[in-house]
Protein backbone atom coordinates (compact mmCIF):
# COMPACT_ATOMS: atom_id res chain seq x y z
CA MET A 1 -19.90 -0.11 21.25
CA LYS A 2 -18.64 0.93 17.95
CA LYS A 3 -14.46 -0.27 17.27
CA HIS A 4 -12.49 2.27 15.21
CA ASN A 5 -9.90 0.39 13.25
CA PHE A 6 -6.98 1.76 12.73
CA TYR A 7 -4.70 -1.24 12.12
CA ALA A 8 -2.03 -0.91 9.17
CA GLY A 9 -2.29 -4.50 8.26
CA PRO A 10 -4.25 -6.41 7.37
CA SER A 11 -6.76 -3.05 7.50
CA ILE A 12 -10.15 -1.79 7.07
CA LEU A 13 -12.07 -3.01 4.38
CA PRO A 14 -15.60 -1.20 3.00
CA GLN A 15 -17.91 -2.90 4.50
CA PHE A 16 -20.17 -3.04 1.44
CA THR A 17 -16.62 -5.50 0.13
CA ILE A 18 -17.20 -7.43 3.18
CA GLU A 19 -20.51 -8.36 2.89
CA LYS A 20 -20.49 -9.05 -0.98
CA THR A 21 -17.82 -10.72 -0.87
CA ALA A 22 -19.47 -12.92 2.17
CA GLU A 23 -22.30 -13.38 -0.02
CA ALA A 24 -20.05 -14.61 -2.48
CA ILE A 25 -18.61 -17.54 -0.18
CA ARG A 26 -21.87 -18.81 0.48
CA ASN A 27 -23.47 -18.78 -2.82
CA PHE A 28 -21.01 -17.37 -5.82
CA ALA A 29 -23.15 -15.93 -9.09
CA ASP A 30 -26.02 -17.20 -8.01
CA THR A 31 -24.20 -21.17 -9.21
CA GLY A 32 -25.14 -22.60 -6.13
CA LEU A 33 -21.67 -23.17 -4.92
CA SER A 34 -19.08 -20.71 -2.77
CA VAL A 35 -16.67 -18.85 -4.95
CA MET A 36 -13.75 -20.78 -2.78
CA GLU A 37 -14.59 -23.92 -4.62
CA VAL A 38 -15.36 -23.11 -8.14
CA SER A 39 -13.45 -23.41 -11.27
CA HIS A 40 -10.75 -20.21 -11.51
CA ARG A 41 -11.47 -21.42 -15.00
CA SER A 42 -15.06 -21.02 -14.96
CA LYS A 43 -16.78 -18.36 -16.79
CA GLU A 44 -18.69 -16.65 -14.29
CA PHE A 45 -14.70 -16.31 -12.25
CA VAL A 46 -13.28 -15.36 -15.36
CA ALA A 47 -15.78 -12.49 -15.58
CA VAL A 48 -14.46 -11.39 -12.18
CA VAL A 49 -10.85 -10.98 -13.01
CA ASP A 50 -11.38 -9.02 -16.69
CA GLU A 51 -14.08 -6.73 -14.69
CA ALA A 52 -11.47 -6.57 -11.86
CA THR A 53 -8.65 -5.56 -14.27
CA LYS A 54 -11.03 -2.83 -16.34
CA LEU A 55 -12.02 -0.81 -13.63
CA PHE A 56 -8.05 -1.03 -11.85
CA LYS A 57 -7.35 -0.08 -15.48
CA GLU A 58 -10.38 3.12 -15.60
CA LEU A 59 -9.47 4.59 -12.09
CA LEU A 60 -5.86 4.59 -12.34
CA ASN A 61 -6.19 5.81 -16.18
CA ILE A 62 -3.84 2.90 -17.11
CA PRO A 63 -2.39 3.73 -20.59
CA ASP A 64 -2.96 0.66 -23.45
CA ASN A 65 0.27 -0.54 -23.28
CA TYR A 66 0.42 -2.13 -19.69
CA SER A 67 -0.96 -4.99 -18.33
CA VAL A 68 -2.50 -5.62 -14.66
CA LEU A 69 -1.47 -9.08 -13.09
CA PHE A 70 -3.21 -10.47 -10.01
CA LEU A 71 -0.81 -13.07 -8.68
CA GLY A 72 0.53 -14.82 -5.12
CA GLY A 73 2.89 -14.40 -3.20
CA GLY A 74 2.49 -10.58 -1.81
CA ALA A 75 4.71 -7.71 -2.48
CA SER A 76 7.82 -9.78 -1.09
CA THR A 77 7.90 -12.18 -3.66
CA GLN A 78 7.92 -9.15 -6.05
CA PHE A 79 11.04 -7.69 -4.54
CA ALA A 80 13.25 -10.94 -6.19
CA MET A 81 10.70 -10.42 -9.22
CA ILE A 82 11.22 -7.27 -9.93
CA PRO A 83 15.09 -8.24 -10.22
CA PHE A 84 14.51 -11.54 -11.77
CA ASN A 85 12.58 -9.43 -14.86
CA LEU A 86 14.08 -6.65 -15.10
CA PHE A 87 18.21 -6.64 -14.03
CA VAL A 88 20.89 -6.49 -16.40
CA LYS A 89 23.61 -4.96 -15.20
CA LYS A 90 23.04 -2.01 -12.57
CA ALA A 91 19.81 -1.38 -10.58
CA ALA A 92 19.42 1.94 -8.00
CA TYR A 93 17.38 1.92 -5.17
CA LEU A 94 15.78 4.96 -2.54
CA ASN A 95 16.45 3.66 0.81
CA THR A 96 13.19 4.70 3.20
CA GLY A 97 12.41 1.77 5.55
CA ALA A 98 11.96 -1.83 6.17
CA TRP A 99 10.65 -2.63 3.26
CA SER A 100 13.05 -1.23 0.87
CA LYS A 101 15.85 -2.46 2.63
CA LYS A 102 14.02 -6.01 2.07
CA ALA A 103 13.99 -5.27 -1.91
CA ILE A 104 17.36 -3.98 -1.64
CA LYS A 105 18.90 -7.32 0.01
CA GLU A 106 16.82 -9.41 -3.28
CA ALA A 107 18.26 -7.38 -5.83
CA LYS A 108 21.63 -7.58 -3.98
CA MET A 109 21.63 -11.08 -5.63
CA PHE A 110 21.92 -9.97 -9.05
CA GLY A 111 24.42 -7.93 -9.00
CA GLU A 112 25.77 -4.17 -8.77
CA VAL A 113 23.03 -2.03 -6.62
CA ASP A 114 23.70 1.96 -6.27
CA VAL A 115 21.53 2.90 -3.11
CA VAL A 116 21.15 6.54 -4.36
CA GLY A 117 19.59 7.66 -1.06
CA SER A 118 18.76 6.86 2.20
CA SER A 119 16.91 8.23 5.62
CA ASP A 120 18.57 5.64 8.23
CA ASP A 121 20.50 8.13 9.93
CA LYS A 122 17.44 9.03 11.27
CA ASN A 123 15.39 6.12 11.67
CA PHE A 124 13.58 6.48 8.21
CA SER A 125 11.47 9.95 9.49
CA TYR A 126 12.32 11.85 6.31
CA ILE A 127 12.15 10.71 2.68
CA PRO A 128 15.48 12.06 1.21
CA LYS A 129 16.08 14.31 -0.97
CA GLY A 130 18.60 15.61 -3.58
CA TYR A 131 19.75 12.57 -4.83
CA THR A 132 20.63 11.88 -8.36
CA ILE A 133 19.43 8.89 -10.12
CA PRO A 134 22.47 6.86 -12.18
CA ALA A 135 21.94 7.06 -15.98
CA ASP A 136 23.10 4.09 -16.53
CA ALA A 137 20.74 1.86 -14.29
CA ASP A 138 18.16 -0.63 -15.64
CA TYR A 139 15.39 0.70 -13.33
CA PHE A 140 15.15 2.90 -10.16
CA HIS A 141 12.56 1.25 -7.20
CA ILE A 142 11.09 3.18 -4.93
CA THR A 143 8.52 2.44 -1.78
CA THR A 144 5.89 5.16 -2.15
CA ASN A 145 4.30 4.80 1.35
CA ASN A 146 6.79 3.66 4.54
CA THR A 147 3.92 2.03 6.95
CA ILE A 148 6.50 1.67 9.67
CA TYR A 149 7.63 4.99 9.79
CA GLY A 150 5.09 7.07 8.65
CA THR A 151 6.37 8.59 5.12
CA GLU A 152 5.04 9.19 1.47
CA ILE A 153 6.73 9.99 -1.58
CA LYS A 154 3.27 12.32 -3.43
CA HIS A 155 4.62 12.80 -6.06
CA ASP A 156 5.55 11.31 -9.44
CA ILE A 157 8.81 11.41 -10.34
CA ASP A 158 11.03 11.96 -13.28
CA SER A 159 13.43 9.18 -13.57
CA PRO A 160 15.57 9.41 -16.19
CA VAL A 161 15.79 5.29 -16.00
CA PRO A 162 12.20 2.65 -15.68
CA LEU A 163 10.74 3.81 -12.66
CA VAL A 164 9.55 1.02 -10.44
CA ALA A 165 7.16 1.73 -7.44
CA ASP A 166 6.00 -0.36 -4.35
CA MET A 167 2.72 1.39 -3.71
CA SER A 168 1.45 -1.77 -1.37
CA SER A 169 -0.06 0.69 0.95
CA ASP A 170 -1.15 3.71 -0.87
CA ILE A 171 -2.41 2.55 -4.00
CA PHE A 172 -5.90 4.41 -4.94
CA SER A 173 -5.32 6.73 -2.35
CA ARG A 174 -4.28 9.66 -4.93
CA PRO A 175 -4.43 10.09 -8.62
CA ILE A 176 -0.85 9.05 -9.73
CA ASP A 177 0.80 9.42 -13.80
CA VAL A 178 0.98 5.49 -14.54
CA SER A 179 2.85 6.27 -17.27
CA LYS A 180 5.99 7.85 -15.43
CA TYR A 181 6.41 4.37 -14.07
CA ALA A 182 7.57 0.74 -15.55
CA VAL A 183 6.22 -1.14 -13.12
CA ILE A 184 4.15 -0.62 -9.81
CA TYR A 185 2.86 -3.31 -7.54
CA GLY A 186 1.52 -4.30 -3.90
CA GLY A 187 0.43 -6.83 -1.65
CA ALA A 188 -3.38 -6.24 -1.38
CA GLN A 189 -4.30 -6.16 2.29
CA LYS A 190 -3.97 -2.09 2.59
CA ASN A 191 -6.54 -0.68 0.75
CA LEU A 192 -8.00 -3.15 -1.75
CA ALA A 193 -8.20 -6.66 -0.46
CA PRO A 194 -7.58 -9.27 2.50
CA ALA A 195 -3.81 -10.67 2.12
CA GLY A 196 -3.15 -13.02 -0.73
CA VAL A 197 -3.44 -11.17 -3.70
CA THR A 198 -0.25 -9.29 -5.30
CA PHE A 199 -1.42 -6.54 -7.84
CA VAL A 200 1.10 -5.65 -10.22
CA ILE A 201 0.64 -3.19 -13.08
CA VAL A 202 3.75 -3.50 -15.90
CA ARG A 203 4.57 -1.83 -18.95
CA ASN A 204 5.19 -4.41 -21.67
CA ASP A 205 8.01 -3.07 -23.58
CA ILE A 206 10.08 -3.47 -20.82
CA LEU A 207 9.90 -6.95 -20.62
CA GLY A 208 12.21 -9.52 -22.66
CA LYS A 209 15.39 -7.69 -22.01
CA VAL A 210 17.33 -10.11 -19.14
CA THR A 211 19.83 -12.28 -20.09
CA HIS A 212 20.25 -14.58 -17.02
CA HIS A 213 17.68 -17.75 -16.63
CA LEU A 214 13.89 -17.19 -15.85
CA PRO A 215 12.10 -19.37 -13.68
CA THR A 216 8.67 -19.74 -15.80
CA MET A 217 6.69 -18.54 -12.38
CA MET A 218 9.18 -15.69 -11.71
CA ASN A 219 8.38 -14.60 -15.86
CA TYR A 220 5.94 -11.38 -15.81
CA GLN A 221 4.92 -12.44 -19.51
CA THR A 222 4.43 -16.26 -18.10
CA HIS A 223 1.16 -14.29 -16.37
CA ILE A 224 0.75 -11.83 -19.02
CA ASP A 225 -0.07 -14.33 -21.57
CA LYS A 226 -2.43 -16.34 -19.21
CA GLU A 227 -4.43 -13.51 -17.99
CA SER A 228 -3.48 -14.34 -14.82
CA MET A 229 -4.45 -17.60 -15.07
CA PHE A 230 -1.05 -19.52 -15.56
CA ASN A 231 -1.69 -21.46 -11.98
CA THR A 232 -4.83 -20.98 -9.95
CA PRO A 233 -5.12 -17.53 -8.51
CA PRO A 234 -6.09 -16.05 -5.07
CA VAL A 235 -10.15 -16.69 -6.15
CA VAL A 236 -11.44 -14.72 -2.74
CA PRO A 237 -8.38 -11.77 -2.25
CA ILE A 238 -9.37 -10.94 -5.89
CA TYR A 239 -13.91 -11.15 -5.68
CA ALA A 240 -13.18 -8.67 -2.97
CA ALA A 241 -10.82 -6.64 -4.52
CA LEU A 242 -13.56 -6.44 -7.21
CA GLN A 243 -15.76 -5.21 -4.39
CA THR A 244 -13.30 -2.51 -3.42
CA LEU A 245 -12.79 -1.22 -6.87
CA LYS A 246 -16.88 -1.26 -7.49
CA TRP A 247 -16.91 0.84 -4.24
CA LEU A 248 -14.21 3.19 -5.22
CA VAL A 249 -16.00 3.88 -8.14
CA ASP A 250 -19.77 4.75 -6.64
CA LYS A 251 -17.38 6.72 -4.35
CA GLY A 252 -16.34 9.02 -7.11
CA GLY A 253 -13.14 7.05 -8.24
CA VAL A 254 -9.43 8.15 -7.00
CA GLU A 255 -9.90 11.73 -7.34
CA GLU A 256 -12.58 12.18 -4.46
CA MET A 257 -10.76 9.57 -1.90
CA HIS A 258 -7.62 12.03 -2.08
CA LYS A 259 -9.72 14.79 -1.29
CA THR A 260 -11.03 12.54 1.65
CA ASN A 261 -7.68 11.11 2.62
CA VAL A 262 -5.88 14.57 2.55
CA TYR A 263 -9.01 16.07 5.31
CA LYS A 264 -8.88 12.70 7.10
CA ALA A 265 -4.82 13.24 7.60
CA GLY A 266 -5.11 17.34 7.90
CA LEU A 267 -7.59 16.85 10.76
CA LEU A 268 -5.50 14.09 12.41
CA TYR A 269 -1.86 15.93 12.22
CA ASP A 270 -3.63 19.12 13.38
CA GLU A 271 -4.52 17.84 16.60
CA ILE A 272 -1.15 15.84 16.85
CA ASP A 273 0.71 19.45 16.16
CA ARG A 274 -1.81 21.29 18.66
CA ASN A 275 -1.95 18.69 21.74
CA THR A 276 0.58 19.29 24.55
CA LEU A 277 0.78 15.46 24.75
CA PHE A 278 1.78 14.63 21.60
CA LYS A 279 4.32 14.88 18.82
CA ALA A 280 4.66 13.98 15.12
CA THR A 281 7.79 11.43 14.28
CA VAL A 282 7.56 13.04 11.03
CA GLU A 283 8.35 16.53 10.75
CA ASP A 284 8.34 17.37 7.16
CA SER A 285 4.84 18.01 6.48
CA GLU A 286 5.76 17.42 2.84
CA ASP A 287 6.96 13.77 4.01
CA ARG A 288 3.95 12.90 6.49
CA SER A 289 1.86 9.78 5.04
CA LEU A 290 -1.64 10.44 4.52
CA MET A 291 -2.41 6.50 5.06
CA ASN A 292 -0.07 6.35 8.29
CA ILE A 293 0.10 9.13 10.61
CA CYS A 294 2.91 7.73 13.23
CA PHE A 295 3.03 9.76 16.80
CA VAL A 296 4.85 9.74 20.45
CA MET A 297 4.18 11.40 23.74
CA THR A 298 5.78 14.50 24.07
CA GLU A 299 9.26 15.16 26.23
CA GLY A 300 8.37 14.62 29.97
CA ASN A 301 5.02 12.73 29.24
CA GLU A 302 6.32 9.69 28.14
CA ASP A 303 5.19 7.79 31.35
CA LYS A 304 2.08 8.50 29.96
CA GLU A 305 2.27 6.36 26.64
CA LYS A 306 0.94 3.33 28.45
CA ALA A 307 -2.46 5.45 30.24
CA PHE A 308 -3.29 6.75 26.71
CA PHE A 309 -2.91 3.61 24.72
CA GLU A 310 -5.76 1.96 27.66
CA TYR A 311 -7.36 5.18 27.69
CA ALA A 312 -7.68 5.12 23.63
CA THR A 313 -8.81 1.24 23.74
CA SER A 314 -11.57 1.84 26.00
CA LYS A 315 -13.11 4.35 23.55
CA GLY A 316 -13.13 1.73 21.19
CA MET A 317 -10.21 2.51 18.97
CA VAL A 318 -8.49 -0.87 17.75
CA GLY A 319 -4.45 -1.02 16.38
CA ILE A 320 -3.42 2.26 17.47
CA LYS A 321 0.00 0.74 19.00
CA GLY A 322 3.23 2.17 16.95
CA HIS A 323 5.26 -0.43 15.50
CA ARG A 324 8.44 -1.92 17.87
CA SER A 325 10.81 0.37 15.42
CA VAL A 326 9.44 3.72 16.06
CA GLY A 327 7.37 3.07 19.36
CA GLY A 328 4.09 5.24 20.24
CA PHE A 329 1.81 5.13 18.28
CA ARG A 330 0.37 4.32 14.56
CA ALA A 331 -3.27 5.11 12.97
CA SER A 332 -3.79 4.47 9.95
CA THR A 333 -6.43 6.35 7.94
CA TYR A 334 -6.90 3.80 4.50
CA ASN A 335 -9.21 4.31 2.18
CA ALA A 336 -11.96 2.65 4.04
CA LEU A 337 -11.50 4.41 7.41
CA PRO A 338 -14.69 6.45 7.52
CA VAL A 339 -14.35 10.20 8.48
CA GLU A 340 -15.76 9.79 12.15
CA SER A 341 -13.33 7.35 13.17
CA VAL A 342 -10.45 10.24 12.83
CA GLU A 343 -12.90 12.41 14.59
CA ALA A 344 -13.38 10.05 17.00
CA LEU A 345 -9.72 9.61 17.89
CA VAL A 346 -8.95 13.43 17.66
CA ALA A 347 -11.79 13.91 20.63
CA THR A 348 -10.18 10.92 22.86
CA MET A 349 -6.55 12.66 22.51
CA GLN A 350 -8.11 15.77 23.67
CA GLU A 351 -10.00 14.47 26.48
CA PHE A 352 -7.11 12.42 27.50
CA GLU A 353 -4.79 15.82 26.99
CA LYS A 354 -7.70 17.50 29.60
CA GLU A 355 -7.63 14.46 32.04
CA ASN A 356 -3.87 14.87 32.30
CA ARG A 357 -2.78 18.60 32.39
């Protein structure tokens, strides 16, 4: 039976990425060695980092005054690394869920944090509107896509202060204007590579302004100066990331990905809205994520939740159980998920409705 992988992360990767990485684990660049055992400073692996950086910049149209870094520690380390590098007197944050709450917690260790808006009152089922970004903040931090709650900021915010974005789960899913951001960062285990590497896109002139002690490893400049090679980088995830970037180029780039993602999400949201047994947890279509689609049973049908989960599992649906904070179901429709998988889930929902009217 074909499996349809809807896991929220670690999640589905292009088959191209899996196959090419598996080959390199056996024999990397015809060296006769595995990519897991070659020196990260060998010319063969330096070429991998160089090409990955080049494709990153090309796919996202990153201006020349930005650096692209491949680091360890996950996005969670960036929650502290951001204020270490940017916090002078005050920071502003938008609270849209679990990950932004963790970022806020780290920033508060550095001083005053202005939470300009929050959707906590409705379990983060919407994106806050009408907030004011303080002009005296050192930076404004947002989480563009919220995997747990299924909300997404799908436009580039005009910020009066340097804009910082955690794009762990929607990077490369839609075109972005990088020039509007001071820093973009994210873990790789959604749309890019296996867990283990963290990407950071940083505007060079934003650095060097803090007065507090900055640990060597937490300093972006350390890694810019050494081109992500200050210490041994996570070589296998970086190699896998390069394969995904090549796959993206072959698929027509970010613009084509976005068209497909809009289509996939539309198929599933339309079925959720039509089906008498299901309802979306995010009501406003403007706030609905293209990457993580959350839904629950309609009122009066809550007792069918377990039955649907078992039914969908029997049809090859994997990873659709919702996060405990929301319940119900979550279908993650990242770049690598084929349209056929969404069609299969829609058909499963329709069949279940017919059998349970």
